[in-house]
Amino acid sequence: MRALNIAGTGMLAMQTNVEVISNNIANMN
């Protein structure tokens, strides 16, 4: 259960990171 929780948190962090990067790229153009 704990391993699943850690994996879920990691995926959430990755998703947020991708959104921030996409937002930065969109703002540059």
C-alpha atoms as a PDB file:
ATOM      1  CA  MET A   1       0.000   0.000   0.000  1.00  0.00           C
ATOM      2  CA  ARG A   2       2.798   2.395   0.883  1.00  0.00           C
ATOM      3  CA  ALA A   3       4.627   1.647  -2.362  1.00  0.00           C
ATOM      4  CA  LEU A   4       1.460   2.472  -4.307  1.00  0.00           C
ATOM      5  CA  ASN A   5       1.102   5.744  -2.426  1.00  0.00           C
ATOM      6  CA  ILE A   6       4.705   6.724  -3.219  1.00  0.00           C
ATOM      7  CA  ALA A   7       4.254   5.800  -6.893  1.00  0.00           C
ATOM      8  CA  GLY A   8       1.056   7.850  -7.075  1.00  0.00           C
ATOM      9  CA  THR A   9       2.750  10.862  -5.510  1.00  0.00           C
ATOM     10  CA  GLY A  10       5.639  10.564  -7.965  1.00  0.00           C
ATOM     11  CA  MET A  11       3.253  10.443 -10.916  1.00  0.00           C
ATOM     12  CA  LEU A  12       1.412  13.491  -9.617  1.00  0.00           C
ATOM     13  CA  ALA A  13       4.692  15.401  -9.303  1.00  0.00           C
ATOM     14  CA  MET A  14       5.661  14.415 -12.856  1.00  0.00           C
ATOM     15  CA  GLN A  15       2.287  15.588 -14.183  1.00  0.00           C
ATOM     16  CA  THR A  16       2.662  18.955 -12.433  1.00  0.00           C
ATOM     17  CA  ASN A  17       6.192  19.302 -13.804  1.00  0.00           C
ATOM     18  CA  VAL A  18       5.004  18.625 -17.359  1.00  0.00           C
ATOM     19  CA  GLU A  19       2.251  21.232 -16.992  1.00  0.00           C
ATOM     20  CA  VAL A  20       4.716  23.853 -15.721  1.00  0.00           C
ATOM     21  CA  ILE A  21       7.131  23.166 -18.598  1.00  0.00           C
ATOM     22  CA  SER A  22       4.295  23.316 -21.154  1.00  0.00           C
ATOM     23  CA  ASN A  23       3.116  26.587 -19.638  1.00  0.00           C
ATOM     24  CA  ASN A  24       6.619  28.073 -19.831  1.00  0.00           C
ATOM     25  CA  ILE A  25       6.961  27.063 -23.489  1.00  0.00           C
ATOM     26  CA  ALA A  26       3.540  28.538 -24.287  1.00  0.00           C
ATOM     27  CA  ASN A  27       4.496  31.813 -22.588  1.00  0.00           C
ATOM     28  CA  MET A  28       7.739  32.106 -24.566  1.00  0.00           C
ATOM     29  CA  ASN A  29       5.953  31.996 -27.938  1.00  0.00           C
END
